[in-house]
Protein backbone atom coordinates (compact mmCIF):
# COMPACT_ATOMS: atom_id res chain seq x y z
CA MET A 1 -8.23 45.16 -60.56
CA THR A 2 -10.12 47.93 -58.76
CA HIS A 3 -13.01 48.00 -56.33
CA GLU A 4 -15.08 49.78 -58.95
CA ASN A 5 -14.57 46.92 -61.41
CA ILE A 6 -15.36 44.29 -58.79
CA ILE A 7 -18.50 46.09 -57.64
CA SER A 8 -19.70 46.61 -61.20
CA THR A 9 -19.13 42.95 -62.08
CA PHE A 10 -20.91 41.56 -59.05
CA ASN A 11 -23.77 44.03 -59.31
CA SER A 12 -24.25 42.75 -62.85
CA TRP A 13 -24.07 39.10 -61.74
CA ALA A 14 -26.65 39.76 -59.04
CA GLN A 15 -29.00 41.37 -61.56
CA ASP A 16 -28.50 38.45 -63.95
CA GLY A 17 -29.53 35.92 -61.30
CA ARG A 18 -26.10 34.32 -60.92
CA ALA A 19 -26.16 34.77 -57.14
CA GLU A 20 -29.00 32.30 -56.76
CA GLY A 21 -27.03 29.60 -58.58
CA MET A 22 -24.16 29.69 -56.09
CA GLU A 23 -25.95 27.66 -53.43
CA GLU A 24 -26.77 24.92 -55.95
CA GLY A 25 -23.20 24.83 -57.21
CA HIS A 26 -21.35 25.12 -53.91
CA GLY A 27 -23.88 24.09 -51.29
CA ASP A 28 -22.67 20.53 -50.75
CA VAL A 29 -19.04 21.54 -50.17
CA VAL A 30 -20.04 24.42 -47.90
CA ARG A 31 -22.26 22.19 -45.80
CA GLN A 32 -19.45 19.65 -45.46
CA VAL A 33 -17.08 22.33 -44.18
CA ILE A 34 -19.55 24.13 -41.89
CA SER A 35 -20.41 20.81 -40.24
CA GLN A 36 -16.77 20.61 -39.11
CA LEU A 37 -16.37 24.17 -37.82
CA GLU A 38 -17.55 23.34 -34.28
CA ILE A 39 -19.73 26.43 -34.06
CA ARG A 40 -21.07 26.53 -30.51
CA PRO A 41 -24.06 28.37 -29.01
CA GLY A 42 -23.58 32.13 -29.10
CA MET A 43 -20.61 32.13 -31.45
CA GLN A 44 -20.40 34.91 -34.01
CA SER A 45 -19.26 34.29 -37.60
CA LEU A 46 -18.27 36.55 -40.50
CA ASP A 47 -19.02 35.43 -44.07
CA VAL A 48 -16.55 37.27 -46.32
CA GLY A 49 -17.98 37.73 -49.81
CA CYS A 50 -21.46 36.56 -48.87
CA GLY A 51 -23.21 37.15 -52.20
CA SER A 52 -26.90 36.33 -51.72
CA GLY A 53 -26.27 35.36 -48.09
CA TRP A 54 -27.13 31.66 -48.24
CA ALA A 55 -23.93 30.57 -46.45
CA THR A 56 -24.36 33.39 -43.90
CA ARG A 57 -27.72 31.90 -42.97
CA LEU A 58 -26.20 28.42 -42.66
CA LEU A 59 -23.53 29.77 -40.31
CA ALA A 60 -26.11 31.61 -38.21
CA SER A 61 -28.23 28.45 -37.94
CA SER A 62 -25.37 26.18 -36.87
CA ALA A 63 -26.00 26.43 -33.12
CA PRO A 64 -28.57 27.95 -30.74
CA GLY A 65 -27.97 31.67 -30.34
CA ALA A 66 -25.23 31.73 -32.96
CA GLY A 67 -25.08 34.73 -35.27
CA ALA A 68 -23.43 35.67 -38.53
CA VAL A 69 -22.72 38.77 -40.57
CA GLY A 70 -22.29 38.55 -44.33
CA VAL A 71 -20.27 41.23 -46.10
CA ASP A 72 -19.94 41.96 -49.81
CA ALA A 73 -18.68 44.93 -51.82
CA SER A 74 -21.68 44.70 -54.15
CA PRO A 75 -24.81 46.56 -53.00
CA GLU A 76 -26.88 44.45 -55.40
CA MET A 77 -25.62 41.23 -53.79
CA ILE A 78 -26.44 42.57 -50.34
CA ALA A 79 -29.91 43.50 -51.59
CA ARG A 80 -30.34 39.88 -52.74
CA ALA A 81 -29.17 38.67 -49.35
CA GLU A 82 -31.65 40.87 -47.51
CA ALA A 83 -34.48 39.82 -49.86
CA GLY A 84 -33.71 36.16 -49.19
CA HIS A 85 -33.42 36.45 -45.43
CA ASP A 86 -35.35 33.69 -43.65
CA LEU A 87 -36.33 35.76 -40.56
CA THR A 88 -35.36 32.84 -38.29
CA SER A 89 -31.55 32.83 -38.32
CA ARG A 90 -29.53 35.53 -36.57
CA ALA A 91 -27.98 36.76 -39.82
CA ARG A 92 -27.46 40.25 -41.18
CA TYR A 93 -25.65 41.71 -44.17
CA GLU A 94 -23.45 44.73 -44.78
CA VAL A 95 -21.81 46.40 -47.77
CA CYS A 96 -18.04 46.75 -47.37
CA THR A 97 -14.83 45.76 -49.10
CA PHE A 98 -12.57 42.95 -47.93
CA GLU A 99 -9.79 45.47 -47.36
CA GLY A 100 -11.95 47.71 -45.15
CA LEU A 101 -14.01 45.54 -42.80
CA ASP A 102 -16.10 47.87 -40.67
CA PHE A 103 -15.82 45.92 -37.41
CA PRO A 104 -13.76 46.28 -34.23
CA ASP A 105 -10.72 44.14 -33.54
CA ASN A 106 -11.28 40.60 -32.26
CA ARG A 107 -14.98 40.63 -33.16
CA PHE A 108 -15.66 37.15 -34.60
CA ASP A 109 -15.18 33.56 -33.43
CA ARG A 110 -15.28 32.19 -36.97
CA ILE A 111 -14.32 33.67 -40.32
CA PHE A 112 -15.72 31.90 -43.38
CA SER A 113 -15.38 32.60 -47.08
CA MET A 114 -16.54 30.62 -50.12
CA GLU A 115 -15.22 31.45 -53.59
CA ALA A 116 -14.62 35.10 -52.78
CA LEU A 117 -11.19 36.08 -51.50
CA TYR A 118 -9.39 35.51 -54.79
CA TYR A 119 -11.32 38.56 -56.05
CA ALA A 120 -9.66 40.79 -53.43
CA VAL A 121 -8.09 43.93 -54.88
CA ASP A 122 -5.28 43.65 -52.31
CA LEU A 123 -5.16 40.09 -50.99
CA PRO A 124 -2.52 40.63 -48.24
CA LEU A 125 -4.49 43.61 -46.91
CA ALA A 126 -7.76 41.67 -47.09
CA LEU A 127 -6.26 38.79 -45.11
CA ALA A 128 -4.78 41.26 -42.61
CA GLU A 129 -8.27 42.72 -42.09
CA VAL A 130 -9.77 39.25 -41.72
CA PHE A 131 -7.10 38.43 -39.13
CA ARG A 132 -7.72 41.69 -37.26
CA VAL A 133 -11.41 40.97 -36.72
CA THR A 134 -10.82 37.33 -35.69
CA LYS A 135 -10.91 36.70 -31.95
CA PRO A 136 -7.82 35.20 -30.32
CA ASP A 137 -8.20 31.42 -30.63
CA GLY A 138 -10.72 32.08 -33.43
CA HIS A 139 -10.65 30.16 -36.69
CA CYS A 140 -10.49 31.25 -40.32
CA ASP A 141 -11.82 28.92 -43.02
CA ILE A 142 -11.50 29.86 -46.69
CA ILE A 143 -12.71 27.74 -49.60
CA VAL A 144 -11.67 28.38 -53.18
CA ASP A 145 -12.23 26.40 -56.36
CA ARG A 146 -9.63 28.31 -58.38
CA PHE A 147 -6.12 27.21 -57.40
CA LYS A 148 -3.08 26.08 -59.35
CA GLU A 149 -3.43 22.38 -58.59
CA SER A 150 -6.84 22.53 -60.31
CA SER A 151 -5.28 23.53 -63.63
CA LEU A 152 -8.52 23.89 -65.59
CA THR A 153 -9.44 26.89 -63.44
CA GLU A 154 -6.56 28.97 -64.79
CA ARG A 155 -8.82 30.05 -67.69
CA TRP A 156 -11.53 31.41 -65.39
CA GLU A 157 -10.11 34.92 -65.31
CA GLU A 158 -10.57 35.14 -69.07
CA THR A 159 -13.94 33.36 -69.25
CA CYS A 160 -15.40 35.36 -66.34
CA GLY A 161 -13.95 38.66 -67.49
CA VAL A 162 -12.76 39.69 -64.04
CA ALA A 163 -9.30 39.66 -62.43
CA MET A 164 -8.65 36.83 -59.96
CA HIS A 165 -5.70 35.75 -57.85
CA TYR A 166 -4.37 32.32 -58.84
CA LEU A 167 -2.46 30.72 -55.97
CA SER A 168 -1.22 27.23 -55.24
CA GLU A 169 -2.01 25.34 -52.04
CA ALA A 170 1.40 26.29 -50.69
CA GLU A 171 0.90 29.95 -51.61
CA TRP A 172 -2.48 30.09 -49.85
CA LYS A 173 -0.89 28.54 -46.76
CA GLU A 174 1.91 31.12 -46.87
CA ALA A 175 -0.60 33.95 -47.31
CA LEU A 176 -2.56 33.00 -44.19
CA GLU A 177 0.63 32.55 -42.20
CA ALA A 178 1.85 35.96 -43.34
CA ALA A 179 -1.42 37.46 -42.07
CA GLY A 180 -0.72 35.95 -38.64
CA TYR A 181 -2.63 32.66 -38.56
CA GLN A 182 -1.05 29.54 -37.13
CA ASP A 183 -1.60 25.81 -37.63
CA VAL A 184 -2.57 26.49 -41.25
CA THR A 185 -3.74 23.43 -43.17
CA CYS A 186 -4.96 22.81 -46.71
CA THR A 187 -7.54 20.13 -47.46
CA ARG A 188 -9.38 19.12 -50.62
CA VAL A 189 -13.15 18.84 -50.34
CA ILE A 190 -14.96 16.84 -53.02
CA ASP A 191 -18.63 17.46 -53.80
CA SER A 192 -20.37 14.31 -52.58
CA ARG A 193 -22.97 14.53 -55.35
CA GLY A 194 -20.41 13.60 -57.99
CA PRO A 195 -19.89 15.32 -61.36
CA GLY A 196 -23.47 14.70 -62.48
CA ALA A 197 -24.70 12.62 -65.39
CA GLU A 198 -22.75 12.66 -68.64
CA GLU A 199 -25.95 12.77 -70.70
CA ASP A 200 -26.91 16.04 -68.98
CA PHE A 201 -23.55 17.73 -69.61
CA GLU A 202 -23.40 20.79 -71.86
CA THR A 203 -20.21 22.51 -72.96
CA SER A 204 -19.53 26.05 -71.74
CA ALA A 205 -16.82 28.68 -71.72
CA HIS A 206 -15.46 26.99 -68.57
CA LEU A 207 -15.70 23.35 -69.65
CA ALA A 208 -15.13 22.09 -73.16
CA SER A 209 -15.85 18.41 -72.54
CA TRP A 210 -17.30 15.88 -70.12
CA GLN A 211 -13.76 14.74 -69.33
CA GLU A 212 -12.95 18.25 -68.17
CA LYS A 213 -16.05 18.25 -65.95
CA VAL A 214 -14.86 15.02 -64.32
CA GLU A 215 -11.32 16.38 -63.90
CA LEU A 216 -12.63 19.56 -62.27
CA HIS A 217 -14.80 17.55 -59.90
CA GLU A 218 -11.90 15.29 -58.92
CA ALA A 219 -9.68 18.31 -58.19
CA GLY A 220 -12.31 19.47 -55.70
CA SER A 221 -12.36 22.65 -53.64
CA LEU A 222 -9.40 23.86 -51.60
CA TRP A 223 -10.18 24.45 -47.91
CA ILE A 224 -7.57 26.57 -46.10
CA HIS A 225 -7.88 26.62 -42.31
CA GLY A 226 -5.97 28.73 -39.79
CA VAL A 227 -6.15 29.68 -36.11
CA LYS A 228 -5.42 33.09 -34.57
CA PRO A 229 -3.00 32.74 -31.65
CA ALA A 230 -4.52 33.12 -28.19
């Protein structure tokens, strides 16, 4: 896995319109989590792996005067984010890698990431960078759909054609603790919309049957939460 491969892949996905489908697929889970982040007026958030920036805008709209920065290694994704900016939220977008966040120490009150950090070229370094830019007493909240307890997701690396880390709940907890976070917890978040209607289901490289779709939905998303010591 190299940054060049990651950038090339996500540039291609942006050009193919896959970025715009992320909000539809992940929006319910993200809204559930953001509603529990206790973002207060003036707080600043970092959206790590922002894609088209839809979650960045949600973070920036969570409280009066709140702001958010979305970062992504893909220039094409950042271009999509800027094109979709709503001109009302205090959101902005920057191109940078997870392992080289271009921000000073202790910059953000909240770190957020949806379906992104398992693409990190160097996951320990990426988490160390995320920790560095978190304010003391700040929170880090990472959501991933690919984890070992959701066994159907093991095939995603092959079906997506891009390298991905594949960690268990316990391994994600250990990774955040190794970066320096405390009070690390892991929670499953289930999409409140359900798996959809069976009659609308179509097989894909990811899902071979309706039963697999139901199993994937029931496994949910993994939400890993940690706090930087004061």
